[in-house]
Amino acid sequence: MIRSQTTKPVIYMLFAALLLAMGATGCHYTPGGGLFAGSGGPFTYDSTEEYPKTFVIVDTATGENIFEMHIPPGKSLVVQFDKGHGDDPKSTPDLMKYGVFPMSDTSGLLSSSVTVPGPYSRRIDIFLTEGETYTPPDENRPIRTDAKEDRPAGWTDEGGPRDEVRSDPMRLYDP
């Protein structure tokens, strides 16, 4: 069997086209970085009903909050920092792209952005926010148990007078 020398370049071109197509489909994100995790990739912050989170970026030079977002429960905040794409080369040289997605999504476009300080001048703070808290019931409230001894006499198997007797059965619901 004679093999053609053009087979290898065709395979390489198909492989390169496949990699290019995978990269062009949008941002791929997973908690922990996914398959190709790196510091230049997107970061995912999940917020659950048990642990609702607030994401804050602090400018460490001034102590000012640059960006703050309460992540709704059941959603994920995905952020990615693009070095050198900010609007001021000194104070905000980087661009942070972000998006909020359902936790089940693993890809999508980061359509929102904000300029942020460089990596050595910013800090990311994650806060657990107050969700719905458990309120204990009032100890003095009446509790309906539906026990036989708690029922009115007209409701028992033995019967008895009802609490309110109406003379006209057609006016059962009228006062």
C-alpha atoms as a PDB file:
ATOM      1  CA  MET A   1       0.000   0.000   0.000  1.00  0.00           C
ATOM      2  CA  ILE A   2       1.366   3.369  -0.977  1.00  0.00           C
ATOM      3  CA  ARG A   3       0.743   6.294   1.391  1.00  0.00           C
ATOM      4  CA  SER A   4       0.467   9.789   0.162  1.00  0.00           C
ATOM      5  CA  GLN A   5       2.711  12.442   1.686  1.00  0.00           C
ATOM      6  CA  THR A   6      -0.234  14.905   1.727  1.00  0.00           C
ATOM      7  CA  THR A   7      -2.107  12.978   4.453  1.00  0.00           C
ATOM      8  CA  LYS A   8      -0.135  14.454   7.371  1.00  0.00           C
ATOM      9  CA  PRO A   9      -0.633  18.148   6.446  1.00  0.00           C
ATOM     10  CA  VAL A  10      -4.357  17.560   5.933  1.00  0.00           C
ATOM     11  CA  ILE A  11      -4.666  15.975   9.380  1.00  0.00           C
ATOM     12  CA  TYR A  12      -2.741  18.863  10.951  1.00  0.00           C
ATOM     13  CA  MET A  13      -4.951  21.400   9.196  1.00  0.00           C
ATOM     14  CA  LEU A  14      -8.113  19.610  10.366  1.00  0.00           C
ATOM     15  CA  PHE A  15      -6.776  19.497  13.930  1.00  0.00           C
ATOM     16  CA  ALA A  16      -5.899  23.208  13.827  1.00  0.00           C
ATOM     17  CA  ALA A  17      -9.357  24.046  12.433  1.00  0.00           C
ATOM     18  CA  LEU A  18     -10.973  22.032  15.234  1.00  0.00           C
ATOM     19  CA  LEU A  19      -8.970  23.890  17.900  1.00  0.00           C
ATOM     20  CA  LEU A  20      -9.816  27.226  16.290  1.00  0.00           C
ATOM     21  CA  ALA A  21     -13.526  26.337  16.186  1.00  0.00           C
ATOM     22  CA  MET A  22     -13.470  25.342  19.853  1.00  0.00           C
ATOM     23  CA  GLY A  23     -11.859  28.654  20.801  1.00  0.00           C
ATOM     24  CA  ALA A  24     -14.274  30.744  18.716  1.00  0.00           C
ATOM     25  CA  THR A  25     -17.440  29.403  20.355  1.00  0.00           C
ATOM     26  CA  GLY A  26     -17.185  31.758  23.316  1.00  0.00           C
ATOM     27  CA  CYS A  27     -15.733  31.750  26.762  1.00  0.00           C
ATOM     28  CA  HIS A  28     -15.585  28.353  28.457  1.00  0.00           C
ATOM     29  CA  TYR A  29     -15.696  28.498  32.234  1.00  0.00           C
ATOM     30  CA  THR A  30     -16.012  26.109  35.111  1.00  0.00           C
ATOM     31  CA  PRO A  31     -15.303  26.435  38.828  1.00  0.00           C
ATOM     32  CA  GLY A  32     -11.660  25.608  39.391  1.00  0.00           C
ATOM     33  CA  GLY A  33     -10.648  26.592  35.868  1.00  0.00           C
ATOM     34  CA  GLY A  34     -11.691  23.500  33.915  1.00  0.00           C
ATOM     35  CA  LEU A  35      -9.422  21.540  31.578  1.00  0.00           C
ATOM     36  CA  PHE A  36      -6.982  24.322  30.649  1.00  0.00           C
ATOM     37  CA  ALA A  37      -6.900  26.244  33.931  1.00  0.00           C
ATOM     38  CA  GLY A  38      -4.598  29.223  34.133  1.00  0.00           C
ATOM     39  CA  SER A  39      -4.320  32.647  35.685  1.00  0.00           C
ATOM     40  CA  GLY A  40      -5.281  34.301  32.379  1.00  0.00           C
ATOM     41  CA  GLY A  41      -8.548  32.383  32.099  1.00  0.00           C
ATOM     42  CA  PRO A  42     -11.993  33.095  33.497  1.00  0.00           C
ATOM     43  CA  PHE A  43     -12.813  32.684  37.184  1.00  0.00           C
ATOM     44  CA  THR A  44     -16.200  31.399  38.332  1.00  0.00           C
ATOM     45  CA  TYR A  45     -17.885  32.282  41.628  1.00  0.00           C
ATOM     46  CA  ASP A  46     -21.014  30.267  42.454  1.00  0.00           C
ATOM     47  CA  SER A  47     -23.725  31.554  44.762  1.00  0.00           C
ATOM     48  CA  THR A  48     -26.119  29.057  46.345  1.00  0.00           C
ATOM     49  CA  GLU A  49     -29.148  29.394  48.598  1.00  0.00           C
ATOM     50  CA  GLU A  50     -27.059  28.186  51.539  1.00  0.00           C
ATOM     51  CA  TYR A  51     -24.091  30.428  50.698  1.00  0.00           C
ATOM     52  CA  PRO A  52     -25.150  33.565  48.789  1.00  0.00           C
ATOM     53  CA  LYS A  53     -22.109  35.619  47.840  1.00  0.00           C
ATOM     54  CA  THR A  54     -21.098  39.207  47.152  1.00  0.00           C
ATOM     55  CA  PHE A  55     -18.090  39.866  44.900  1.00  0.00           C
ATOM     56  CA  VAL A  56     -16.038  43.037  45.475  1.00  0.00           C
ATOM     57  CA  ILE A  57     -12.924  44.430  43.760  1.00  0.00           C
ATOM     58  CA  VAL A  58     -10.942  46.820  45.969  1.00  0.00           C
ATOM     59  CA  ASP A  59      -8.322  49.290  44.708  1.00  0.00           C
ATOM     60  CA  THR A  60      -5.524  48.604  47.221  1.00  0.00           C
ATOM     61  CA  ALA A  61      -3.890  51.991  46.571  1.00  0.00           C
ATOM     62  CA  THR A  62      -6.947  53.974  47.675  1.00  0.00           C
ATOM     63  CA  GLY A  63      -8.981  51.373  49.615  1.00  0.00           C
ATOM     64  CA  GLU A  64     -11.974  52.187  47.404  1.00  0.00           C
ATOM     65  CA  ASN A  65     -14.455  49.574  46.144  1.00  0.00           C
ATOM     66  CA  ILE A  66     -14.133  49.643  42.340  1.00  0.00           C
ATOM     67  CA  PHE A  67     -16.785  47.007  41.628  1.00  0.00           C
ATOM     68  CA  GLU A  68     -19.364  45.274  43.808  1.00  0.00           C
ATOM     69  CA  MET A  69     -21.980  42.704  42.832  1.00  0.00           C
ATOM     70  CA  HIS A  70     -24.392  40.587  44.847  1.00  0.00           C
ATOM     71  CA  ILE A  71     -24.543  37.250  43.020  1.00  0.00           C
ATOM     72  CA  PRO A  72     -28.133  35.923  43.034  1.00  0.00           C
ATOM     73  CA  PRO A  73     -28.538  32.419  44.529  1.00  0.00           C
ATOM     74  CA  GLY A  74     -28.427  29.727  41.864  1.00  0.00           C
ATOM     75  CA  LYS A  75     -26.246  31.880  39.600  1.00  0.00           C
ATOM     76  CA  SER A  76     -22.535  32.141  38.837  1.00  0.00           C
ATOM     77  CA  LEU A  77     -20.464  35.252  38.292  1.00  0.00           C
ATOM     78  CA  VAL A  78     -17.740  34.697  35.711  1.00  0.00           C
ATOM     79  CA  VAL A  79     -14.909  37.240  35.478  1.00  0.00           C
ATOM     80  CA  GLN A  80     -11.901  37.446  33.190  1.00  0.00           C
ATOM     81  CA  PHE A  81      -9.136  40.050  33.335  1.00  0.00           C
ATOM     82  CA  ASP A  82      -7.609  41.338  30.089  1.00  0.00           C
ATOM     83  CA  LYS A  83      -4.229  42.904  30.780  1.00  0.00           C
ATOM     84  CA  GLY A  84      -3.570  46.225  29.063  1.00  0.00           C
ATOM     85  CA  HIS A  85      -7.130  46.809  27.756  1.00  0.00           C
ATOM     86  CA  GLY A  86      -8.128  49.429  30.348  1.00  0.00           C
ATOM     87  CA  ASP A  87      -8.717  53.125  29.719  1.00  0.00           C
ATOM     88  CA  ASP A  88      -5.841  54.574  31.804  1.00  0.00           C
ATOM     89  CA  PRO A  89      -2.373  52.982  31.673  1.00  0.00           C
ATOM     90  CA  LYS A  90      -1.543  54.121  35.229  1.00  0.00           C
ATOM     91  CA  SER A  91      -4.647  53.783  37.428  1.00  0.00           C
ATOM     92  CA  THR A  92      -6.877  51.313  35.505  1.00  0.00           C
ATOM     93  CA  PRO A  93      -4.743  49.462  32.959  1.00  0.00           C
ATOM     94  CA  ASP A  94      -6.809  46.257  32.853  1.00  0.00           C
ATOM     95  CA  LEU A  95     -10.310  45.402  31.692  1.00  0.00           C
ATOM     96  CA  MET A  96     -12.509  42.993  33.627  1.00  0.00           C
ATOM     97  CA  LYS A  97     -15.135  41.246  31.513  1.00  0.00           C
ATOM     98  CA  TYR A  98     -17.932  39.628  33.454  1.00  0.00           C
ATOM     99  CA  GLY A  99     -21.306  37.928  33.162  1.00  0.00           C
ATOM    100  CA  VAL A 100     -23.899  36.291  35.400  1.00  0.00           C
ATOM    101  CA  PHE A 101     -25.127  32.886  34.265  1.00  0.00           C
ATOM    102  CA  PRO A 102     -27.142  29.963  35.654  1.00  0.00           C
ATOM    103  CA  MET A 103     -24.855  27.588  37.554  1.00  0.00           C
ATOM    104  CA  SER A 104     -25.548  24.830  35.014  1.00  0.00           C
ATOM    105  CA  ASP A 105     -24.060  26.840  32.111  1.00  0.00           C
ATOM    106  CA  THR A 106     -20.414  26.188  31.255  1.00  0.00           C
ATOM    107  CA  SER A 107     -19.931  28.622  28.390  1.00  0.00           C
ATOM    108  CA  GLY A 108     -21.148  31.982  27.202  1.00  0.00           C
ATOM    109  CA  LEU A 109     -20.081  35.461  26.244  1.00  0.00           C
ATOM    110  CA  LEU A 110     -18.893  37.861  28.900  1.00  0.00           C
ATOM    111  CA  SER A 111     -20.818  40.868  27.596  1.00  0.00           C
ATOM    112  CA  SER A 112     -20.242  43.362  30.441  1.00  0.00           C
ATOM    113  CA  SER A 113     -16.949  45.020  31.340  1.00  0.00           C
ATOM    114  CA  VAL A 114     -15.345  47.556  33.669  1.00  0.00           C
ATOM    115  CA  THR A 115     -11.817  48.951  33.836  1.00  0.00           C
ATOM    116  CA  VAL A 116      -9.879  47.926  36.937  1.00  0.00           C
ATOM    117  CA  PRO A 117      -6.438  48.492  38.494  1.00  0.00           C
ATOM    118  CA  GLY A 118      -3.568  46.176  37.598  1.00  0.00           C
ATOM    119  CA  PRO A 119      -3.109  42.805  39.302  1.00  0.00           C
ATOM    120  CA  TYR A 120      -0.804  44.207  42.002  1.00  0.00           C
ATOM    121  CA  SER A 121      -3.187  47.074  42.826  1.00  0.00           C
ATOM    122  CA  ARG A 122      -6.486  45.199  43.125  1.00  0.00           C
ATOM    123  CA  ARG A 123      -7.895  42.774  45.625  1.00  0.00           C
ATOM    124  CA  ILE A 124     -10.887  40.473  45.224  1.00  0.00           C
ATOM    125  CA  ASP A 125     -13.064  40.032  48.308  1.00  0.00           C
ATOM    126  CA  ILE A 126     -15.829  37.436  48.488  1.00  0.00           C
ATOM    127  CA  PHE A 127     -18.417  37.875  51.238  1.00  0.00           C
ATOM    128  CA  LEU A 128     -21.115  35.480  52.341  1.00  0.00           C
ATOM    129  CA  THR A 129     -24.236  37.622  52.409  1.00  0.00           C
ATOM    130  CA  GLU A 130     -27.208  37.260  54.657  1.00  0.00           C
ATOM    131  CA  GLY A 131     -29.852  35.069  53.098  1.00  0.00           C
ATOM    132  CA  GLU A 132     -33.208  34.229  54.567  1.00  0.00           C
ATOM    133  CA  THR A 133     -32.715  33.394  58.202  1.00  0.00           C
ATOM    134  CA  TYR A 134     -34.703  30.930  60.282  1.00  0.00           C
ATOM    135  CA  THR A 135     -37.209  32.609  62.551  1.00  0.00           C
ATOM    136  CA  PRO A 136     -38.345  30.396  65.418  1.00  0.00           C
ATOM    137  CA  PRO A 137     -42.113  30.206  65.912  1.00  0.00           C
ATOM    138  CA  ASP A 138     -43.812  32.089  68.750  1.00  0.00           C
ATOM    139  CA  GLU A 139     -44.074  29.741  71.715  1.00  0.00           C
ATOM    140  CA  ASN A 140     -47.492  31.127  72.760  1.00  0.00           C
ATOM    141  CA  ARG A 141     -49.225  30.615  69.413  1.00  0.00           C
ATOM    142  CA  PRO A 142     -52.174  28.217  69.290  1.00  0.00           C
ATOM    143  CA  ILE A 143     -51.238  24.963  67.615  1.00  0.00           C
ATOM    144  CA  ARG A 144     -53.811  23.036  65.626  1.00  0.00           C
ATOM    145  CA  THR A 145     -53.388  19.362  66.350  1.00  0.00           C
ATOM    146  CA  ASP A 146     -56.680  17.946  65.041  1.00  0.00           C
ATOM    147  CA  ALA A 147     -56.812  15.600  68.015  1.00  0.00           C
ATOM    148  CA  LYS A 148     -60.237  14.146  68.719  1.00  0.00           C
ATOM    149  CA  GLU A 149     -60.489  15.860  72.106  1.00  0.00           C
ATOM    150  CA  ASP A 150     -59.777  19.261  70.512  1.00  0.00           C
ATOM    151  CA  ARG A 151     -62.688  19.029  68.050  1.00  0.00           C
ATOM    152  CA  PRO A 152     -66.036  20.765  68.681  1.00  0.00           C
ATOM    153  CA  ALA A 153     -68.881  18.509  69.837  1.00  0.00           C
ATOM    154  CA  GLY A 154     -70.606  18.619  66.427  1.00  0.00           C
ATOM    155  CA  TRP A 155     -67.510  17.244  64.713  1.00  0.00           C
ATOM    156  CA  THR A 156     -67.079  14.101  66.807  1.00  0.00           C
ATOM    157  CA  ASP A 157     -68.368  10.653  65.927  1.00  0.00           C
ATOM    158  CA  GLU A 158     -70.817  10.845  68.839  1.00  0.00           C
ATOM    159  CA  GLY A 159     -72.255  14.105  67.561  1.00  0.00           C
ATOM    160  CA  GLY A 160     -73.697  16.908  69.572  1.00  0.00           C
ATOM    161  CA  PRO A 161     -74.809  20.489  69.182  1.00  0.00           C
ATOM    162  CA  ARG A 162     -72.974  22.579  66.634  1.00  0.00           C
ATOM    163  CA  ASP A 163     -71.418  25.827  67.686  1.00  0.00           C
ATOM    164  CA  GLU A 164     -73.877  27.752  65.583  1.00  0.00           C
ATOM    165  CA  VAL A 165     -77.307  26.429  64.589  1.00  0.00           C
ATOM    166  CA  ARG A 166     -79.103  28.021  61.671  1.00  0.00           C
ATOM    167  CA  SER A 167     -82.826  27.687  61.276  1.00  0.00           C
ATOM    168  CA  ASP A 168     -82.891  28.069  57.475  1.00  0.00           C
ATOM    169  CA  PRO A 169     -80.612  25.570  55.653  1.00  0.00           C
ATOM    170  CA  MET A 170     -80.712  27.790  52.507  1.00  0.00           C
ATOM    171  CA  ARG A 171     -78.973  30.580  54.407  1.00  0.00           C
ATOM    172  CA  LEU A 172     -76.083  28.421  55.527  1.00  0.00           C
ATOM    173  CA  TYR A 173     -73.394  30.891  54.419  1.00  0.00           C
ATOM    174  CA  ASP A 174     -75.241  34.152  54.927  1.00  0.00           C
ATOM    175  CA  PRO A 175     -74.952  35.970  58.270  1.00  0.00           C
END
